[in-house]
C-alpha atoms as a PDB file:
ATOM      1  CA  MET A   1     105.619  94.294 112.622  1.00  0.00           C
ATOM      2  CA  THR A   2     104.586  94.530 116.267  1.00  0.00           C
ATOM      3  CA  PRO A   3     101.087  95.662 117.271  1.00  0.00           C
ATOM      4  CA  GLU A   4     102.579  98.957 118.454  1.00  0.00           C
ATOM      5  CA  GLU A   5     104.294  99.525 115.100  1.00  0.00           C
ATOM      6  CA  PHE A   6     101.035  98.718 113.313  1.00  0.00           C
ATOM      7  CA  VAL A   7      99.100 101.296 115.353  1.00  0.00           C
ATOM      8  CA  THR A   8     101.829 103.904 114.815  1.00  0.00           C
ATOM      9  CA  THR A   9     101.771 103.209 111.072  1.00  0.00           C
ATOM     10  CA  LEU A  10      97.984 103.694 110.955  1.00  0.00           C
ATOM     11  CA  ARG A  11      98.170 106.938 112.948  1.00  0.00           C
ATOM     12  CA  ARG A  12     100.878 108.359 110.678  1.00  0.00           C
ATOM     13  CA  HIS A  13      98.848 107.284 107.638  1.00  0.00           C
ATOM     14  CA  GLN A  14      95.768 109.063 108.997  1.00  0.00           C
ATOM     15  CA  ARG A  15      97.787 112.285 109.241  1.00  0.00           C
ATOM     16  CA  PHE A  16      99.115 111.679 105.707  1.00  0.00           C
ATOM     17  CA  THR A  17      95.641 111.272 104.196  1.00  0.00           C
ATOM     18  CA  SER A  18      94.320 114.348 105.974  1.00  0.00           C
ATOM     19  CA  GLY A  19      97.250 116.486 104.770  1.00  0.00           C
ATOM     20  CA  ASN A  20      98.772 116.971 108.227  1.00  0.00           C
ATOM     21  CA  GLY A  21     102.202 115.461 107.629  1.00  0.00           C
ATOM     22  CA  GLY A  22     102.548 111.838 108.566  1.00  0.00           C
ATOM     23  CA  ALA A  23     103.592 109.163 106.099  1.00  0.00           C
ATOM     24  CA  ARG A  24     101.957 106.808 103.650  1.00  0.00           C
ATOM     25  CA  ALA A  25     101.335 103.431 105.302  1.00  0.00           C
ATOM     26  CA  ASP A  26     103.599 100.673 104.034  1.00  0.00           C
ATOM     27  CA  LEU A  27     102.035  97.381 105.042  1.00  0.00           C
ATOM     28  CA  SER A  28     103.430  95.527 102.068  1.00  0.00           C
ATOM     29  CA  HIS A  29     104.006  91.816 102.646  1.00  0.00           C
ATOM     30  CA  GLN A  30     102.688  92.018 106.225  1.00  0.00           C
ATOM     31  CA  ASP A  31     100.701  89.127 107.706  1.00  0.00           C
ATOM     32  CA  LEU A  32      97.531  90.784 108.978  1.00  0.00           C
ATOM     33  CA  SER A  33      95.416  87.647 108.690  1.00  0.00           C
ATOM     34  CA  GLY A  34      92.482  87.290 111.052  1.00  0.00           C
ATOM     35  CA  LEU A  35      92.484  90.903 112.280  1.00  0.00           C
ATOM     36  CA  ARG A  36      89.333  92.953 112.807  1.00  0.00           C
ATOM     37  CA  LEU A  37      89.949  96.321 111.116  1.00  0.00           C
ATOM     38  CA  PRO A  38      86.512  97.770 110.342  1.00  0.00           C
ATOM     39  CA  ASN A  39      86.138 101.293 108.969  1.00  0.00           C
ATOM     40  CA  ILE A  40      89.822 102.222 108.812  1.00  0.00           C
ATOM     41  CA  ASP A  41      91.182 104.501 106.116  1.00  0.00           C
ATOM     42  CA  LEU A  42      93.854 102.835 103.994  1.00  0.00           C
ATOM     43  CA  GLN A  43      93.477 105.031 100.933  1.00  0.00           C
ATOM     44  CA  ARG A  44      96.718 105.284  98.950  1.00  0.00           C
ATOM     45  CA  ALA A  45      98.443 102.801 101.300  1.00  0.00           C
ATOM     46  CA  ASN A  46     101.050 100.324 100.066  1.00  0.00           C
ATOM     47  CA  LEU A  47      99.424  96.950 100.693  1.00  0.00           C
ATOM     48  CA  ALA A  48     101.198  94.964  97.980  1.00  0.00           C
ATOM     49  CA  GLY A  49     101.474  91.317  98.942  1.00  0.00           C
ATOM     50  CA  ALA A  50      99.782  91.858 102.319  1.00  0.00           C
ATOM     51  CA  ASP A  51      97.813  88.957 103.810  1.00  0.00           C
ATOM     52  CA  PHE A  52      94.310  90.066 104.823  1.00  0.00           C
ATOM     53  CA  SER A  53      92.901  86.516 104.778  1.00  0.00           C
ATOM     54  CA  CYS A  54      90.006  85.933 107.158  1.00  0.00           C
ATOM     55  CA  CYS A  55      90.004  89.625 108.221  1.00  0.00           C
ATOM     56  CA  VAL A  56      86.984  91.759 109.008  1.00  0.00           C
ATOM     57  CA  LEU A  57      87.447  94.797 106.751  1.00  0.00           C
ATOM     58  CA  THR A  58      83.905  96.152 106.637  1.00  0.00           C
ATOM     59  CA  GLY A  59      83.718  99.740 105.473  1.00  0.00           C
ATOM     60  CA  VAL A  60      87.487 100.084 104.889  1.00  0.00           C
ATOM     61  CA  ASN A  61      88.593 102.765 102.440  1.00  0.00           C
ATOM     62  CA  PHE A  62      91.085 101.184  99.998  1.00  0.00           C
ATOM     63  CA  THR A  63      90.774 103.992  97.411  1.00  0.00           C
ATOM     64  CA  ARG A  64      93.888 104.204  95.208  1.00  0.00           C
ATOM     65  CA  ALA A  65      95.753 101.708  97.420  1.00  0.00           C
ATOM     66  CA  ASP A  66      98.474  99.520  95.927  1.00  0.00           C
ATOM     67  CA  MET A  67      97.101  96.060  96.621  1.00  0.00           C
ATOM     68  CA  PHE A  68      99.069  94.160  93.965  1.00  0.00           C
ATOM     69  CA  GLY A  69      99.129  90.466  94.901  1.00  0.00           C
ATOM     70  CA  ALA A  70      97.363  90.935  98.260  1.00  0.00           C
ATOM     71  CA  ASN A  71      95.378  88.057  99.774  1.00  0.00           C
ATOM     72  CA  PHE A  72      91.782  88.679 100.851  1.00  0.00           C
ATOM     73  CA  ASN A  73      90.711  85.023 100.847  1.00  0.00           C
ATOM     74  CA  GLY A  74      87.912  84.439 103.356  1.00  0.00           C
ATOM     75  CA  SER A  75      87.762  88.098 104.395  1.00  0.00           C
ATOM     76  CA  ASP A  76      84.646  90.194 104.950  1.00  0.00           C
ATOM     77  CA  SER A  77      85.078  93.414 102.969  1.00  0.00           C
ATOM     78  CA  SER A  78      81.404  94.382 102.929  1.00  0.00           C
ATOM     79  CA  GLY A  79      80.988  98.078 102.249  1.00  0.00           C
ATOM     80  CA  ALA A  80      84.698  98.548 101.494  1.00  0.00           C
ATOM     81  CA  ASN A  81      85.731 101.055  98.835  1.00  0.00           C
ATOM     82  CA  PHE A  82      88.189  99.708  96.235  1.00  0.00           C
ATOM     83  CA  GLU A  83      87.899 102.592  93.752  1.00  0.00           C
ATOM     84  CA  GLU A  84      91.024 103.034  91.640  1.00  0.00           C
ATOM     85  CA  ALA A  85      92.924 100.485  93.742  1.00  0.00           C
ATOM     86  CA  ASP A  86      95.560  98.373  92.029  1.00  0.00           C
ATOM     87  CA  LEU A  87      93.997  94.925  92.338  1.00  0.00           C
ATOM     88  CA  ARG A  88      96.230  93.068  89.908  1.00  0.00           C
ATOM     89  CA  GLY A  89      96.859  89.575  91.233  1.00  0.00           C
ATOM     90  CA  THR A  90      94.755  90.179  94.343  1.00  0.00           C
ATOM     91  CA  ARG A  91      92.957  87.069  95.612  1.00  0.00           C
ATOM     92  CA  PHE A  92      89.361  87.199  96.876  1.00  0.00           C
ATOM     93  CA  ARG A  93      88.461  83.508  97.122  1.00  0.00           C
ATOM     94  CA  ASN A  94      85.495  82.973  99.482  1.00  0.00           C
ATOM     95  CA  ALA A  95      85.598  86.674 100.387  1.00  0.00           C
ATOM     96  CA  LYS A  96      82.473  88.684 101.122  1.00  0.00           C
ATOM     97  CA  LEU A  97      82.426  91.734  98.854  1.00  0.00           C
ATOM     98  CA  ASP A  98      78.910  93.104  99.226  1.00  0.00           C
ATOM     99  CA  CYS A  99      79.954  96.705  98.642  1.00  0.00           C
ATOM    100  CA  GLY A 100      77.095  97.996  96.510  1.00  0.00           C
ATOM    101  CA  ARG A 101      79.508  99.398  93.927  1.00  0.00           C
ATOM    102  CA  PRO A 102      81.804  97.819  91.370  1.00  0.00           C
ATOM    103  CA  ILE A 103      85.293  96.792  92.367  1.00  0.00           C
ATOM    104  CA  CYS A 104      87.436  98.578  89.843  1.00  0.00           C
ATOM    105  CA  GLY A 105      91.188  98.172  89.781  1.00  0.00           C
ATOM    106  CA  SER A 106      93.037 100.942  88.021  1.00  0.00           C
ATOM    107  CA  GLY A 107      95.502  98.579  86.397  1.00  0.00           C
ATOM    108  CA  ARG A 108      98.409 100.825  87.380  1.00  0.00           C
END
């Protein structure tokens, strides 16, 4: 995925989550390692198998996202919202998860 495709995907996803058309983001199996993506809205996105290792993901909304098997090793997800996300098989080794609320996977 090129940087332009990534930005387009996020813009379409923003329209999707706000009910203005668009499309659900499919970032499954994408290598996003090392990116700084603070405060973006990835609720209900398909992030299965995505590599978020060493990313800055502070304040990201992952509500109800499919994150099956994603890699968050070494990432900073402080303040991120993981409510009802599918976290089965997701790796958080050496990740910062100071979110002030429980991380609850839905087990979907």
